[in-house]
């Protein structure tokens, strides 16, 4: 049973997240040859203030490039 975990910055519409879950499930079934029912996909959303790259949070980056 494959488990795919994705961490995203919060703020995307639920329909976008649902599409991502679907596409990841489909990719796993194609690549691994397993049934969709066996694939688990977990999307975790974190606030922009809790996600950073290069010691700059997404919140800080958005403020400077807003």
PDB file of N, CA and C in Angstrom:
ATOM      1  N   UNK A   1       0.847  -1.171   0.000  1.00  0.00           N
ATOM      2  CA  UNK A   1       0.000   0.000   0.000  1.00  0.00           C
ATOM      3  C   UNK A   1       0.895   1.238   0.000  1.00  0.00           C
ATOM      4  N   UNK A   2       1.003   1.931  -1.123  1.00  0.00           N
ATOM      5  CA  UNK A   2       1.808   3.148  -1.150  1.00  0.00           C
ATOM      6  C   UNK A   2       1.136   4.289  -0.396  1.00  0.00           C
ATOM      7  N   UNK A   3       1.949   5.066   0.302  1.00  0.00           N
ATOM      8  CA  UNK A   3       1.468   6.259   0.995  1.00  0.00           C
ATOM      9  C   UNK A   3       2.265   7.439   0.450  1.00  0.00           C
ATOM     10  N   UNK A   4       1.559   8.428  -0.068  1.00  0.00           N
ATOM     11  CA  UNK A   4       2.179   9.630  -0.616  1.00  0.00           C
ATOM     12  C   UNK A   4       1.799  10.789   0.291  1.00  0.00           C
ATOM     13  N   UNK A   5       2.810  11.507   0.788  1.00  0.00           N
ATOM     14  CA  UNK A   5       2.554  12.656   1.651  1.00  0.00           C
ATOM     15  C   UNK A   5       3.063  13.919   0.969  1.00  0.00           C
ATOM     16  N   UNK A   6       2.225  14.947   0.956  1.00  0.00           N
ATOM     17  CA  UNK A   6       2.564  16.217   0.328  1.00  0.00           C
ATOM     18  C   UNK A   6       2.321  17.325   1.348  1.00  0.00           C
ATOM     19  N   UNK A   7       3.289  18.213   1.494  1.00  0.00           N
ATOM     20  CA  UNK A   7       3.130  19.369   2.367  1.00  0.00           C
ATOM     21  C   UNK A   7       3.059  20.613   1.498  1.00  0.00           C
ATOM     22  N   UNK A   8       2.010  21.404   1.720  1.00  0.00           N
ATOM     23  CA  UNK A   8       1.759  22.598   0.917  1.00  0.00           C
ATOM     24  C   UNK A   8       1.523  23.798   1.816  1.00  0.00           C
ATOM     25  N   UNK A   9       1.841  24.957   1.294  1.00  0.00           N
ATOM     26  CA  UNK A   9       1.466  26.185   1.985  1.00  0.00           C
ATOM     27  C   UNK A   9      -0.046  26.329   1.865  1.00  0.00           C
ATOM     28  N   UNK A  10      -0.708  26.625   2.962  1.00  0.00           N
ATOM     29  CA  UNK A  10      -2.168  26.750   2.993  1.00  0.00           C
ATOM     30  C   UNK A  10      -2.637  27.897   2.112  1.00  0.00           C
ATOM     31  N   UNK A  11      -3.870  27.747   1.626  1.00  0.00           N
ATOM     32  CA  UNK A  11      -4.479  28.839   0.888  1.00  0.00           C
ATOM     33  C   UNK A  11      -5.048  28.469  -0.465  1.00  0.00           C
ATOM     34  N   UNK A  12      -4.811  27.244  -0.911  1.00  0.00           N
ATOM     35  CA  UNK A  12      -5.369  26.833  -2.198  1.00  0.00           C
ATOM     36  C   UNK A  12      -6.818  26.408  -2.027  1.00  0.00           C
ATOM     37  N   UNK A  13      -7.623  26.563  -3.079  1.00  0.00           N
ATOM     38  CA  UNK A  13      -9.022  26.118  -3.005  1.00  0.00           C
ATOM     39  C   UNK A  13      -9.107  24.598  -2.825  1.00  0.00           C
ATOM     40  N   UNK A  14     -10.167  24.151  -2.163  1.00  0.00           N
ATOM     41  CA  UNK A  14     -10.374  22.719  -1.937  1.00  0.00           C
ATOM     42  C   UNK A  14     -10.404  21.948  -3.251  1.00  0.00           C
ATOM     43  N   UNK A  15     -10.927  22.551  -4.301  1.00  0.00           N
ATOM     44  CA  UNK A  15     -10.986  21.860  -5.595  1.00  0.00           C
ATOM     45  C   UNK A  15      -9.587  21.616  -6.161  1.00  0.00           C
ATOM     46  N   UNK A  16      -8.673  22.519  -5.896  1.00  0.00           N
ATOM     47  CA  UNK A  16      -7.289  22.343  -6.347  1.00  0.00           C
ATOM     48  C   UNK A  16      -6.624  21.206  -5.590  1.00  0.00           C
ATOM     49  N   UNK A  17      -6.834  21.157  -4.281  1.00  0.00           N
ATOM     50  CA  UNK A  17      -6.274  20.076  -3.465  1.00  0.00           C
ATOM     51  C   UNK A  17      -6.861  18.741  -3.911  1.00  0.00           C
ATOM     52  N   UNK A  18      -8.152  18.712  -4.165  1.00  0.00           N
ATOM     53  CA  UNK A  18      -8.808  17.473  -4.608  1.00  0.00           C
ATOM     54  C   UNK A  18      -8.221  16.993  -5.924  1.00  0.00           C
ATOM     55  N   UNK A  19      -7.959  17.917  -6.827  1.00  0.00           N
ATOM     56  CA  UNK A  19      -7.345  17.570  -8.108  1.00  0.00           C
ATOM     57  C   UNK A  19      -5.947  16.986  -7.904  1.00  0.00           C
ATOM     58  N   UNK A  20      -5.182  17.574  -6.998  1.00  0.00           N
ATOM     59  CA  UNK A  20      -3.853  17.057  -6.690  1.00  0.00           C
ATOM     60  C   UNK A  20      -3.941  15.633  -6.147  1.00  0.00           C
ATOM     61  N   UNK A  21      -4.863  15.392  -5.216  1.00  0.00           N
ATOM     62  CA  UNK A  21      -5.039  14.051  -4.654  1.00  0.00           C
ATOM     63  C   UNK A  21      -5.345  13.045  -5.760  1.00  0.00           C
ATOM     64  N   UNK A  22      -6.217  13.426  -6.665  1.00  0.00           N
ATOM     65  CA  UNK A  22      -6.584  12.549  -7.780  1.00  0.00           C
ATOM     66  C   UNK A  22      -5.377  12.257  -8.676  1.00  0.00           C
ATOM     67  N   UNK A  23      -4.664  13.308  -9.058  1.00  0.00           N
ATOM     68  CA  UNK A  23      -3.528  13.135  -9.966  1.00  0.00           C
ATOM     69  C   UNK A  23      -2.419  12.292  -9.341  1.00  0.00           C
ATOM     70  N   UNK A  24      -2.165  12.472  -8.055  1.00  0.00           N
ATOM     71  CA  UNK A  24      -1.148  11.661  -7.383  1.00  0.00           C
ATOM     72  C   UNK A  24      -1.576  10.200  -7.295  1.00  0.00           C
ATOM     73  N   UNK A  25      -2.853   9.971  -7.041  1.00  0.00           N
ATOM     74  CA  UNK A  25      -3.368   8.602  -7.021  1.00  0.00           C
ATOM     75  C   UNK A  25      -3.196   7.952  -8.388  1.00  0.00           C
ATOM     76  N   UNK A  26      -3.582   8.667  -9.433  1.00  0.00           N
ATOM     77  CA  UNK A  26      -3.449   8.145 -10.798  1.00  0.00           C
ATOM     78  C   UNK A  26      -1.986   7.855 -11.140  1.00  0.00           C
ATOM     79  N   UNK A  27      -1.085   8.752 -10.755  1.00  0.00           N
ATOM     80  CA  UNK A  27       0.338   8.551 -11.038  1.00  0.00           C
ATOM     81  C   UNK A  27       0.863   7.300 -10.342  1.00  0.00           C
ATOM     82  N   UNK A  28       0.454   7.094  -9.106  1.00  0.00           N
ATOM     83  CA  UNK A  28       0.900   5.912  -8.367  1.00  0.00           C
ATOM     84  C   UNK A  28       0.373   4.634  -9.014  1.00  0.00           C
ATOM     85  N   UNK A  29      -0.876   4.639  -9.442  1.00  0.00           N
ATOM     86  CA  UNK A  29      -1.428   3.424 -10.065  1.00  0.00           C
ATOM     87  C   UNK A  29      -0.702   3.115 -11.375  1.00  0.00           C
ATOM     88  N   UNK A  30      -0.365   4.143 -12.145  1.00  0.00           N
ATOM     89  CA  UNK A  30       0.367   3.919 -13.406  1.00  0.00           C
ATOM     90  C   UNK A  30       1.789   3.433 -13.137  1.00  0.00           C
ATOM     91  N   UNK A  31       2.486   4.097 -12.243  1.00  0.00           N
ATOM     92  CA  UNK A  31       3.893   3.785 -11.998  1.00  0.00           C
ATOM     93  C   UNK A  31       4.093   2.461 -11.273  1.00  0.00           C
ATOM     94  N   UNK A  32       3.185   2.149 -10.356  1.00  0.00           N
ATOM     95  CA  UNK A  32       3.362   0.965  -9.517  1.00  0.00           C
ATOM     96  C   UNK A  32       2.498  -0.214  -9.928  1.00  0.00           C
ATOM     97  N   UNK A  33       1.524   0.045 -10.794  1.00  0.00           N
ATOM     98  CA  UNK A  33       0.634  -1.031 -11.216  1.00  0.00           C
ATOM     99  C   UNK A  33      -0.270  -1.531 -10.110  1.00  0.00           C
ATOM    100  N   UNK A  34      -0.602  -0.672  -9.174  1.00  0.00           N
ATOM    101  CA  UNK A  34      -1.458  -1.062  -8.052  1.00  0.00           C
ATOM    102  C   UNK A  34      -2.848  -0.455  -8.232  1.00  0.00           C
ATOM    103  N   UNK A  35      -3.840  -1.025  -7.567  1.00  0.00           N
ATOM    104  CA  UNK A  35      -5.184  -0.453  -7.676  1.00  0.00           C
ATOM    105  C   UNK A  35      -5.279   0.863  -6.898  1.00  0.00           C
ATOM    106  N   UNK A  36      -6.121   1.761  -7.371  1.00  0.00           N
ATOM    107  CA  UNK A  36      -6.307   3.061  -6.714  1.00  0.00           C
ATOM    108  C   UNK A  36      -6.735   2.897  -5.262  1.00  0.00           C
ATOM    109  N   UNK A  37      -7.497   1.850  -4.986  1.00  0.00           N
ATOM    110  CA  UNK A  37      -7.993   1.623  -3.620  1.00  0.00           C
ATOM    111  C   UNK A  37      -6.864   1.388  -2.623  1.00  0.00           C
ATOM    112  N   UNK A  38      -5.696   0.993  -3.116  1.00  0.00           N
ATOM    113  CA  UNK A  38      -4.584   0.726  -2.200  1.00  0.00           C
ATOM    114  C   UNK A  38      -3.697   1.950  -1.980  1.00  0.00           C
ATOM    115  N   UNK A  39      -3.925   3.005  -2.733  1.00  0.00           N
ATOM    116  CA  UNK A  39      -3.085   4.208  -2.646  1.00  0.00           C
ATOM    117  C   UNK A  39      -3.642   5.149  -1.584  1.00  0.00           C
ATOM    118  N   UNK A  40      -2.759   5.632  -0.725  1.00  0.00           N
ATOM    119  CA  UNK A  40      -3.125   6.622   0.285  1.00  0.00           C
ATOM    120  C   UNK A  40      -2.387   7.911  -0.034  1.00  0.00           C
ATOM    121  N   UNK A  41      -3.100   9.017  -0.058  1.00  0.00           N
ATOM    122  CA  UNK A  41      -2.480  10.316  -0.311  1.00  0.00           C
ATOM    123  C   UNK A  41      -2.887  11.258   0.816  1.00  0.00           C
ATOM    124  N   UNK A  42      -1.902  11.900   1.414  1.00  0.00           N
ATOM    125  CA  UNK A  42      -2.145  12.823   2.518  1.00  0.00           C
ATOM    126  C   UNK A  42      -1.615  14.192   2.111  1.00  0.00           C
ATOM    127  N   UNK A  43      -2.481  15.179   2.112  1.00  0.00           N
ATOM    128  CA  UNK A  43      -2.074  16.556   1.829  1.00  0.00           C
ATOM    129  C   UNK A  43      -2.127  17.335   3.138  1.00  0.00           C
ATOM    130  N   UNK A  44      -0.977  17.837   3.544  1.00  0.00           N
ATOM    131  CA  UNK A  44      -0.902  18.642   4.767  1.00  0.00           C
ATOM    132  C   UNK A  44      -0.679  20.091   4.372  1.00  0.00           C
ATOM    133  N   UNK A  45      -1.507  20.949   4.913  1.00  0.00           N
ATOM    134  CA  UNK A  45      -1.354  22.375   4.652  1.00  0.00           C
ATOM    135  C   UNK A  45      -0.777  23.045   5.894  1.00  0.00           C
ATOM    136  N   UNK A  46       0.199  23.896   5.671  1.00  0.00           N
ATOM    137  CA  UNK A  46       0.808  24.634   6.773  1.00  0.00           C
ATOM    138  C   UNK A  46       0.665  26.129   6.506  1.00  0.00           C
ATOM    139  N   UNK A  47       0.554  26.925   7.561  1.00  0.00           N
ATOM    140  CA  UNK A  47       0.442  28.372   7.369  1.00  0.00           C
ATOM    141  C   UNK A  47       1.714  28.928   6.724  1.00  0.00           C
ATOM    142  N   UNK A  48       1.595  29.996   5.944  1.00  0.00           N
ATOM    143  CA  UNK A  48       2.770  30.600   5.312  1.00  0.00           C
ATOM    144  C   UNK A  48       3.847  31.017   6.317  1.00  0.00           C
ATOM    145  N   UNK A  49       3.453  31.274   7.542  1.00  0.00           N
ATOM    146  CA  UNK A  49       4.424  31.668   8.573  1.00  0.00           C
ATOM    147  C   UNK A  49       5.195  30.471   9.132  1.00  0.00           C
ATOM    148  N   UNK A  50       4.781  29.252   8.767  1.00  0.00           N
ATOM    149  CA  UNK A  50       5.425  28.043   9.277  1.00  0.00           C
ATOM    150  C   UNK A  50       6.160  27.268   8.186  1.00  0.00           C
ATOM    151  N   UNK A  51       6.401  27.876   7.061  1.00  0.00           N
ATOM    152  CA  UNK A  51       7.050  27.222   5.920  1.00  0.00           C
ATOM    153  C   UNK A  51       8.112  28.181   5.406  1.00  0.00           C
ATOM    154  N   UNK A  52       9.369  27.727   5.377  1.00  0.00           N
ATOM    155  CA  UNK A  52      10.407  28.642   4.906  1.00  0.00           C
ATOM    156  C   UNK A  52      11.342  27.956   3.928  1.00  0.00           C
ATOM    157  N   UNK A  53      11.981  28.764   3.131  1.00  0.00           N
ATOM    158  CA  UNK A  53      13.015  28.317   2.200  1.00  0.00           C
ATOM    159  C   UNK A  53      14.126  29.348   2.266  1.00  0.00           C
ATOM    160  N   UNK A  54      15.336  28.886   2.483  1.00  0.00           N
ATOM    161  CA  UNK A  54      16.446  29.827   2.580  1.00  0.00           C
ATOM    162  C   UNK A  54      16.321  30.776   3.751  1.00  0.00           C
ATOM    163  N   UNK A  55      15.760  30.303   4.857  1.00  0.00           N
ATOM    164  CA  UNK A  55      15.581  31.082   6.085  1.00  0.00           C
ATOM    165  C   UNK A  55      14.634  32.266   5.911  1.00  0.00           C
ATOM    166  N   UNK A  56      13.762  32.206   4.920  1.00  0.00           N
ATOM    167  CA  UNK A  56      12.743  33.233   4.714  1.00  0.00           C
ATOM    168  C   UNK A  56      11.399  32.520   4.641  1.00  0.00           C
ATOM    169  N   UNK A  57      10.474  32.902   5.523  1.00  0.00           N
ATOM    170  CA  UNK A  57       9.165  32.256   5.468  1.00  0.00           C
ATOM    171  C   UNK A  57       8.411  32.714   4.224  1.00  0.00           C
ATOM    172  N   UNK A  58       7.455  31.921   3.815  1.00  0.00           N
ATOM    173  CA  UNK A  58       6.622  32.283   2.669  1.00  0.00           C
ATOM    174  C   UNK A  58       5.873  33.580   2.971  1.00  0.00           C
ATOM    175  N   UNK A  59       5.442  33.736   4.214  1.00  0.00           N
ATOM    176  CA  UNK A  59       4.764  34.968   4.620  1.00  0.00           C
ATOM    177  C   UNK A  59       5.674  36.183   4.413  1.00  0.00           C
ATOM    178  N   UNK A  60       6.934  36.068   4.839  1.00  0.00           N
ATOM    179  CA  UNK A  60       7.891  37.168   4.665  1.00  0.00           C
ATOM    180  C   UNK A  60       8.149  37.440   3.182  1.00  0.00           C
ATOM    181  N   UNK A  61       8.324  36.382   2.417  1.00  0.00           N
ATOM    182  CA  UNK A  61       8.560  36.543   0.979  1.00  0.00           C
ATOM    183  C   UNK A  61       7.382  37.237   0.302  1.00  0.00           C
ATOM    184  N   UNK A  62       6.168  36.816   0.668  1.00  0.00           N
ATOM    185  CA  UNK A  62       4.974  37.426   0.076  1.00  0.00           C
ATOM    186  C   UNK A  62       4.863  38.906   0.425  1.00  0.00           C
ATOM    187  N   UNK A  63       5.260  39.267   1.646  1.00  0.00           N
ATOM    188  CA  UNK A  63       5.224  40.677   2.048  1.00  0.00           C
ATOM    189  C   UNK A  63       6.180  41.521   1.210  1.00  0.00           C
ATOM    190  N   UNK A  64       7.333  40.943   0.885  1.00  0.00           N
ATOM    191  CA  UNK A  64       8.345  41.690   0.130  1.00  0.00           C
ATOM    192  C   UNK A  64       8.095  41.680  -1.374  1.00  0.00           C
ATOM    193  N   UNK A  65       7.370  40.673  -1.854  1.00  0.00           N
ATOM    194  CA  UNK A  65       7.123  40.554  -3.295  1.00  0.00           C
ATOM    195  C   UNK A  65       5.645  40.665  -3.635  1.00  0.00           C
ATOM    196  N   UNK A  66       4.826  41.029  -2.632  1.00  0.00           N
ATOM    197  CA  UNK A  66       3.379  41.069  -2.746  1.00  0.00           C
ATOM    198  C   UNK A  66       2.858  41.766  -3.906  1.00  0.00           C
TER     199      UNK A  66
END
